[in-house]
Amino acid sequence: MSTLIEPVAYENMKSSLKEAFRARVERLGYLGDFYRCSAYQPEALAHFDSFTNAAKTSIEPKLVELIALTVASRFEVAYERNQHERLSVRLGYGRAWVRDIVALDPNASHHLDSSERDLQHWLLAAIERHGRDSDGEAAAFFADMPPNQVVGIMFVAMRFIAHAFAVNMLGLISPVPSIFEDEFGEDKISEKQVTE
């Protein structure tokens, strides 16, 4: 629930938005408050969602999750971090991998490969320096990457930064706990957890 505005009920959303988010609601059993609050600007929200989906097409899902978890952890956005912790576990990346990312210390990581550490270094530098002077950290990661993937990573980072800023402005609460506050993904994922 937002501290600034009342989220729009999914049932009361514009029909085009309801259709766009139907699969998400069926998969999760809810629609997050970011989308419900943003529904007051349906066209902008639809474009934001389209931008998100388009930006991800040129990079592998594991890097999307690394970006999402890094940005959400750096901006202290439990709303997004907790959901992406769960998604990362469901995708098979493991709790240890997630724990290393949310620690925001790539040098101390035992479960990130060298390119993942390089990407997190660059993300953290870019955030700290407001996008400036982070090309030194970027050099190692982006050295042999085609331009469409470089831009894809930049766009995905921009998306999660914008989302984090909005969630913090709206004071949104996470709909699920951190995987480190419950047993999600410790052994076998239950049928209930898969649908979260």
C-alpha atoms as a PDB file:
ATOM      1  CA  MET A   1       0.000   0.000   0.000  1.00  0.00           C
ATOM      2  CA  SER A   2       1.295   3.471  -0.890  1.00  0.00           C
ATOM      3  CA  THR A   3       1.603   6.209   1.692  1.00  0.00           C
ATOM      4  CA  LEU A   4       0.754   8.825  -0.997  1.00  0.00           C
ATOM      5  CA  ILE A   5      -2.077   7.424  -3.112  1.00  0.00           C
ATOM      6  CA  GLU A   6      -4.574   4.591  -3.017  1.00  0.00           C
ATOM      7  CA  PRO A   7      -3.528   1.833  -5.469  1.00  0.00           C
ATOM      8  CA  VAL A   8      -6.051   1.081  -8.205  1.00  0.00           C
ATOM      9  CA  ALA A   9      -7.700  -2.322  -7.848  1.00  0.00           C
ATOM     10  CA  TYR A  10      -6.806  -4.615 -10.735  1.00  0.00           C
ATOM     11  CA  GLU A  11     -10.524  -5.051 -11.504  1.00  0.00           C
ATOM     12  CA  ASN A  12     -10.887  -1.254 -11.904  1.00  0.00           C
ATOM     13  CA  MET A  13      -7.981  -0.783 -14.288  1.00  0.00           C
ATOM     14  CA  LYS A  14      -8.366   0.220 -17.910  1.00  0.00           C
ATOM     15  CA  SER A  15      -9.182  -2.916 -19.916  1.00  0.00           C
ATOM     16  CA  SER A  16      -5.947  -2.720 -21.947  1.00  0.00           C
ATOM     17  CA  LEU A  17      -3.894  -2.719 -18.733  1.00  0.00           C
ATOM     18  CA  LYS A  18      -5.867  -5.582 -17.262  1.00  0.00           C
ATOM     19  CA  GLU A  19      -5.168  -7.615 -20.383  1.00  0.00           C
ATOM     20  CA  ALA A  20      -1.466  -6.660 -20.374  1.00  0.00           C
ATOM     21  CA  PHE A  21      -1.063  -7.766 -16.746  1.00  0.00           C
ATOM     22  CA  ARG A  22      -3.462 -10.736 -16.740  1.00  0.00           C
ATOM     23  CA  ALA A  23      -0.705 -13.376 -17.077  1.00  0.00           C
ATOM     24  CA  ARG A  24       1.279 -11.754 -14.263  1.00  0.00           C
ATOM     25  CA  VAL A  25      -1.742 -11.737 -11.957  1.00  0.00           C
ATOM     26  CA  GLU A  26      -2.546 -15.360 -12.809  1.00  0.00           C
ATOM     27  CA  ARG A  27       1.075 -16.409 -12.178  1.00  0.00           C
ATOM     28  CA  LEU A  28       1.607 -14.472  -8.951  1.00  0.00           C
ATOM     29  CA  GLY A  29      -1.918 -14.252  -7.597  1.00  0.00           C
ATOM     30  CA  TYR A  30      -1.586 -10.463  -7.216  1.00  0.00           C
ATOM     31  CA  LEU A  31      -0.511  -7.336  -9.048  1.00  0.00           C
ATOM     32  CA  GLY A  32       2.145  -5.334  -7.242  1.00  0.00           C
ATOM     33  CA  ASP A  33       1.358  -1.907  -5.861  1.00  0.00           C
ATOM     34  CA  PHE A  34       3.847  -0.215  -8.219  1.00  0.00           C
ATOM     35  CA  TYR A  35       1.618  -1.211 -11.136  1.00  0.00           C
ATOM     36  CA  ARG A  36      -1.569  -0.486  -9.207  1.00  0.00           C
ATOM     37  CA  CYS A  37      -0.378   3.025  -8.269  1.00  0.00           C
ATOM     38  CA  SER A  38       1.002   3.704 -11.729  1.00  0.00           C
ATOM     39  CA  ALA A  39      -2.349   2.741 -13.284  1.00  0.00           C
ATOM     40  CA  TYR A  40      -3.479   6.346 -12.769  1.00  0.00           C
ATOM     41  CA  GLN A  41      -1.309   7.022 -15.848  1.00  0.00           C
ATOM     42  CA  PRO A  42      -2.303   4.011 -17.994  1.00  0.00           C
ATOM     43  CA  GLU A  43      -0.523   5.005 -21.211  1.00  0.00           C
ATOM     44  CA  ALA A  44       2.717   5.829 -19.418  1.00  0.00           C
ATOM     45  CA  LEU A  45       2.529   2.565 -17.460  1.00  0.00           C
ATOM     46  CA  ALA A  46       1.891   0.562 -20.632  1.00  0.00           C
ATOM     47  CA  HIS A  47       4.934   2.158 -22.278  1.00  0.00           C
ATOM     48  CA  PHE A  48       7.041   1.554 -19.161  1.00  0.00           C
ATOM     49  CA  ASP A  49       6.082  -2.122 -19.257  1.00  0.00           C
ATOM     50  CA  SER A  50       6.800  -2.333 -22.996  1.00  0.00           C
ATOM     51  CA  PHE A  51      10.158  -0.604 -22.475  1.00  0.00           C
ATOM     52  CA  THR A  52      11.016  -3.099 -19.746  1.00  0.00           C
ATOM     53  CA  ASN A  53      10.217  -6.098 -21.925  1.00  0.00           C
ATOM     54  CA  ALA A  54      12.027  -4.688 -24.966  1.00  0.00           C
ATOM     55  CA  ALA A  55      15.160  -3.730 -23.009  1.00  0.00           C
ATOM     56  CA  LYS A  56      15.579  -7.273 -21.689  1.00  0.00           C
ATOM     57  CA  THR A  57      15.527  -8.974 -25.094  1.00  0.00           C
ATOM     58  CA  SER A  58      19.228  -8.533 -25.880  1.00  0.00           C
ATOM     59  CA  ILE A  59      20.665  -9.784 -22.574  1.00  0.00           C
ATOM     60  CA  GLU A  60      20.489 -13.088 -20.767  1.00  0.00           C
ATOM     61  CA  PRO A  61      17.986 -13.462 -17.896  1.00  0.00           C
ATOM     62  CA  LYS A  62      20.728 -14.049 -15.312  1.00  0.00           C
ATOM     63  CA  LEU A  63      22.200 -10.600 -16.029  1.00  0.00           C
ATOM     64  CA  VAL A  64      18.740  -9.031 -15.771  1.00  0.00           C
ATOM     65  CA  GLU A  65      18.419 -10.541 -12.298  1.00  0.00           C
ATOM     66  CA  LEU A  66      21.900  -9.382 -11.308  1.00  0.00           C
ATOM     67  CA  ILE A  67      20.985  -5.833 -12.370  1.00  0.00           C
ATOM     68  CA  ALA A  68      17.593  -5.952 -10.629  1.00  0.00           C
ATOM     69  CA  LEU A  69      19.043  -7.280  -7.364  1.00  0.00           C
ATOM     70  CA  THR A  70      22.001  -4.874  -7.386  1.00  0.00           C
ATOM     71  CA  VAL A  71      19.882  -1.788  -8.029  1.00  0.00           C
ATOM     72  CA  ALA A  72      17.164  -2.797  -5.562  1.00  0.00           C
ATOM     73  CA  SER A  73      19.746  -3.558  -2.862  1.00  0.00           C
ATOM     74  CA  ARG A  74      21.685  -0.348  -3.455  1.00  0.00           C
ATOM     75  CA  PHE A  75      18.500   1.757  -3.338  1.00  0.00           C
ATOM     76  CA  GLU A  76      17.218  -0.256  -0.343  1.00  0.00           C
ATOM     77  CA  VAL A  77      14.036  -1.279  -2.138  1.00  0.00           C
ATOM     78  CA  ALA A  78      12.816  -4.446  -0.396  1.00  0.00           C
ATOM     79  CA  TYR A  79       9.700  -4.335  -2.597  1.00  0.00           C
ATOM     80  CA  GLU A  80      11.704  -5.193  -5.718  1.00  0.00           C
ATOM     81  CA  ARG A  81      14.640  -7.013  -4.115  1.00  0.00           C
ATOM     82  CA  ASN A  82      12.475  -9.606  -2.350  1.00  0.00           C
ATOM     83  CA  GLN A  83      10.523 -10.433  -5.502  1.00  0.00           C
ATOM     84  CA  HIS A  84      13.699 -10.765  -7.587  1.00  0.00           C
ATOM     85  CA  GLU A  85      15.350 -12.905  -4.911  1.00  0.00           C
ATOM     86  CA  ARG A  86      12.478 -15.347  -5.353  1.00  0.00           C
ATOM     87  CA  LEU A  87      12.547 -15.148  -9.128  1.00  0.00           C
ATOM     88  CA  SER A  88      16.301 -15.799  -9.165  1.00  0.00           C
ATOM     89  CA  VAL A  89      15.852 -18.897  -7.021  1.00  0.00           C
ATOM     90  CA  ARG A  90      13.005 -20.127  -9.244  1.00  0.00           C
ATOM     91  CA  LEU A  91      15.256 -19.612 -12.278  1.00  0.00           C
ATOM     92  CA  GLY A  92      17.841 -21.874 -10.638  1.00  0.00           C
ATOM     93  CA  TYR A  93      20.563 -19.337  -9.764  1.00  0.00           C
ATOM     94  CA  GLY A  94      20.579 -20.317  -6.087  1.00  0.00           C
ATOM     95  CA  ARG A  95      20.356 -18.621  -2.727  1.00  0.00           C
ATOM     96  CA  ALA A  96      24.151 -18.294  -2.417  1.00  0.00           C
ATOM     97  CA  TRP A  97      24.321 -16.396  -5.741  1.00  0.00           C
ATOM     98  CA  VAL A  98      21.531 -14.087  -4.566  1.00  0.00           C
ATOM     99  CA  ARG A  99      23.215 -13.568  -1.181  1.00  0.00           C
ATOM    100  CA  ASP A 100      26.475 -12.515  -2.872  1.00  0.00           C
ATOM    101  CA  ILE A 101      24.688  -9.978  -5.065  1.00  0.00           C
ATOM    102  CA  VAL A 102      22.608  -8.346  -2.335  1.00  0.00           C
ATOM    103  CA  ALA A 103      25.752  -8.016  -0.179  1.00  0.00           C
ATOM    104  CA  LEU A 104      26.933  -5.410  -2.756  1.00  0.00           C
ATOM    105  CA  ASP A 105      30.568  -6.475  -2.354  1.00  0.00           C
ATOM    106  CA  PRO A 106      31.637  -8.159  -5.600  1.00  0.00           C
ATOM    107  CA  ASN A 107      35.242  -8.504  -4.397  1.00  0.00           C
ATOM    108  CA  ALA A 108      34.092 -10.761  -1.551  1.00  0.00           C
ATOM    109  CA  SER A 109      31.806 -12.870  -3.740  1.00  0.00           C
ATOM    110  CA  HIS A 110      32.301 -16.633  -3.954  1.00  0.00           C
ATOM    111  CA  HIS A 111      29.395 -17.384  -6.286  1.00  0.00           C
ATOM    112  CA  LEU A 112      29.623 -14.729  -9.003  1.00  0.00           C
ATOM    113  CA  ASP A 113      31.832 -15.392 -11.997  1.00  0.00           C
ATOM    114  CA  SER A 114      34.346 -12.752 -13.067  1.00  0.00           C
ATOM    115  CA  SER A 115      32.037 -11.127 -15.629  1.00  0.00           C
ATOM    116  CA  GLU A 116      29.203 -10.938 -13.077  1.00  0.00           C
ATOM    117  CA  ARG A 117      31.582  -9.298 -10.576  1.00  0.00           C
ATOM    118  CA  ASP A 118      32.686  -6.838 -13.289  1.00  0.00           C
ATOM    119  CA  LEU A 119      29.069  -5.976 -14.098  1.00  0.00           C
ATOM    120  CA  GLN A 120      28.233  -5.371 -10.455  1.00  0.00           C
ATOM    121  CA  HIS A 121      31.348  -3.198 -10.035  1.00  0.00           C
ATOM    122  CA  TRP A 122      30.230  -1.092 -12.993  1.00  0.00           C
ATOM    123  CA  LEU A 123      26.623  -0.810 -11.762  1.00  0.00           C
ATOM    124  CA  LEU A 124      27.683   0.285  -8.298  1.00  0.00           C
ATOM    125  CA  ALA A 125      30.173   2.817  -9.711  1.00  0.00           C
ATOM    126  CA  ALA A 126      27.606   4.189 -12.166  1.00  0.00           C
ATOM    127  CA  ILE A 127      25.013   4.605  -9.399  1.00  0.00           C
ATOM    128  CA  GLU A 128      27.474   6.230  -6.983  1.00  0.00           C
ATOM    129  CA  ARG A 129      28.762   8.632  -9.637  1.00  0.00           C
ATOM    130  CA  HIS A 130      25.361   9.386 -11.196  1.00  0.00           C
ATOM    131  CA  GLY A 131      26.433   7.681 -14.422  1.00  0.00           C
ATOM    132  CA  ARG A 132      29.647   9.656 -14.785  1.00  0.00           C
ATOM    133  CA  ASP A 133      33.221   8.374 -14.907  1.00  0.00           C
ATOM    134  CA  SER A 134      32.328   4.689 -14.675  1.00  0.00           C
ATOM    135  CA  ASP A 135      33.986   3.688 -17.942  1.00  0.00           C
ATOM    136  CA  GLY A 136      37.017   2.286 -16.088  1.00  0.00           C
ATOM    137  CA  GLU A 137      34.805  -0.268 -14.343  1.00  0.00           C
ATOM    138  CA  ALA A 138      32.886  -0.834 -17.578  1.00  0.00           C
ATOM    139  CA  ALA A 139      35.949  -1.632 -19.690  1.00  0.00           C
ATOM    140  CA  ALA A 140      36.466  -5.177 -18.400  1.00  0.00           C
ATOM    141  CA  PHE A 141      32.831  -6.201 -18.675  1.00  0.00           C
ATOM    142  CA  PHE A 142      31.917  -4.542 -21.971  1.00  0.00           C
ATOM    143  CA  ALA A 143      35.206  -5.184 -23.830  1.00  0.00           C
ATOM    144  CA  ASP A 144      33.940  -7.753 -26.346  1.00  0.00           C
ATOM    145  CA  MET A 145      30.204  -7.121 -26.065  1.00  0.00           C
ATOM    146  CA  PRO A 146      28.195  -6.032 -29.114  1.00  0.00           C
ATOM    147  CA  PRO A 147      26.660  -2.537 -28.875  1.00  0.00           C
ATOM    148  CA  ASN A 148      23.055  -3.778 -28.710  1.00  0.00           C
ATOM    149  CA  GLN A 149      23.880  -5.714 -25.522  1.00  0.00           C
ATOM    150  CA  VAL A 150      25.722  -2.741 -23.993  1.00  0.00           C
ATOM    151  CA  VAL A 151      22.675  -0.553 -24.622  1.00  0.00           C
ATOM    152  CA  GLY A 152      20.360  -3.327 -23.410  1.00  0.00           C
ATOM    153  CA  ILE A 153      22.223  -3.484 -20.094  1.00  0.00           C
ATOM    154  CA  MET A 154      22.130   0.301 -19.813  1.00  0.00           C
ATOM    155  CA  PHE A 155      18.363   0.348 -20.498  1.00  0.00           C
ATOM    156  CA  VAL A 156      17.665  -2.456 -18.008  1.00  0.00           C
ATOM    157  CA  ALA A 157      19.698  -0.607 -15.358  1.00  0.00           C
ATOM    158  CA  MET A 158      17.772   2.597 -16.145  1.00  0.00           C
ATOM    159  CA  ARG A 159      14.483   0.736 -15.800  1.00  0.00           C
ATOM    160  CA  PHE A 160      15.310  -0.661 -12.376  1.00  0.00           C
ATOM    161  CA  ILE A 161      16.718   2.666 -11.163  1.00  0.00           C
ATOM    162  CA  ALA A 162      13.525   4.468 -12.249  1.00  0.00           C
ATOM    163  CA  HIS A 163      11.420   1.754 -10.596  1.00  0.00           C
ATOM    164  CA  ALA A 164      13.431   1.978  -7.360  1.00  0.00           C
ATOM    165  CA  PHE A 165      13.045   5.741  -7.271  1.00  0.00           C
ATOM    166  CA  ALA A 166       9.262   5.481  -7.768  1.00  0.00           C
ATOM    167  CA  VAL A 167       8.822   2.711  -5.179  1.00  0.00           C
ATOM    168  CA  ASN A 168      10.765   4.712  -2.591  1.00  0.00           C
ATOM    169  CA  MET A 169       8.788   7.872  -3.404  1.00  0.00           C
ATOM    170  CA  LEU A 170       5.508   6.002  -2.990  1.00  0.00           C
ATOM    171  CA  GLY A 171       6.673   4.226   0.177  1.00  0.00           C
ATOM    172  CA  LEU A 172       5.622   0.812  -1.129  1.00  0.00           C
ATOM    173  CA  ILE A 173       5.923  -2.276   1.061  1.00  0.00           C
ATOM    174  CA  SER A 174       7.128  -5.613  -0.292  1.00  0.00           C
ATOM    175  CA  PRO A 175       4.307  -8.123  -0.854  1.00  0.00           C
ATOM    176  CA  VAL A 176       6.674 -10.995   0.038  1.00  0.00           C
ATOM    177  CA  PRO A 177       9.504 -11.399   2.565  1.00  0.00           C
ATOM    178  CA  SER A 178      13.161 -11.796   1.666  1.00  0.00           C
ATOM    179  CA  ILE A 179      14.216 -15.378   0.948  1.00  0.00           C
ATOM    180  CA  PHE A 180      16.586 -14.932   3.891  1.00  0.00           C
ATOM    181  CA  GLU A 181      13.641 -14.252   6.213  1.00  0.00           C
ATOM    182  CA  ASP A 182      11.828 -17.460   5.301  1.00  0.00           C
ATOM    183  CA  GLU A 183      12.835 -20.837   3.887  1.00  0.00           C
ATOM    184  CA  PHE A 184      12.124 -20.062   0.247  1.00  0.00           C
ATOM    185  CA  GLY A 185      14.433 -22.123  -1.945  1.00  0.00           C
ATOM    186  CA  GLU A 186      16.403 -23.767   0.856  1.00  0.00           C
ATOM    187  CA  ASP A 187      15.594 -27.282  -0.286  1.00  0.00           C
ATOM    188  CA  LYS A 188      12.945 -28.201  -2.789  1.00  0.00           C
ATOM    189  CA  ILE A 189      10.688 -25.346  -3.912  1.00  0.00           C
ATOM    190  CA  SER A 190       7.108 -26.125  -2.997  1.00  0.00           C
ATOM    191  CA  GLU A 191       4.230 -25.837  -5.442  1.00  0.00           C
ATOM    192  CA  LYS A 192       2.940 -22.796  -3.528  1.00  0.00           C
ATOM    193  CA  GLN A 193       6.309 -21.010  -3.786  1.00  0.00           C
ATOM    194  CA  VAL A 194       6.479 -21.520  -7.541  1.00  0.00           C
ATOM    195  CA  THR A 195       3.306 -19.464  -7.949  1.00  0.00           C
ATOM    196  CA  GLU A 196       4.493 -16.539  -5.817  1.00  0.00           C
END
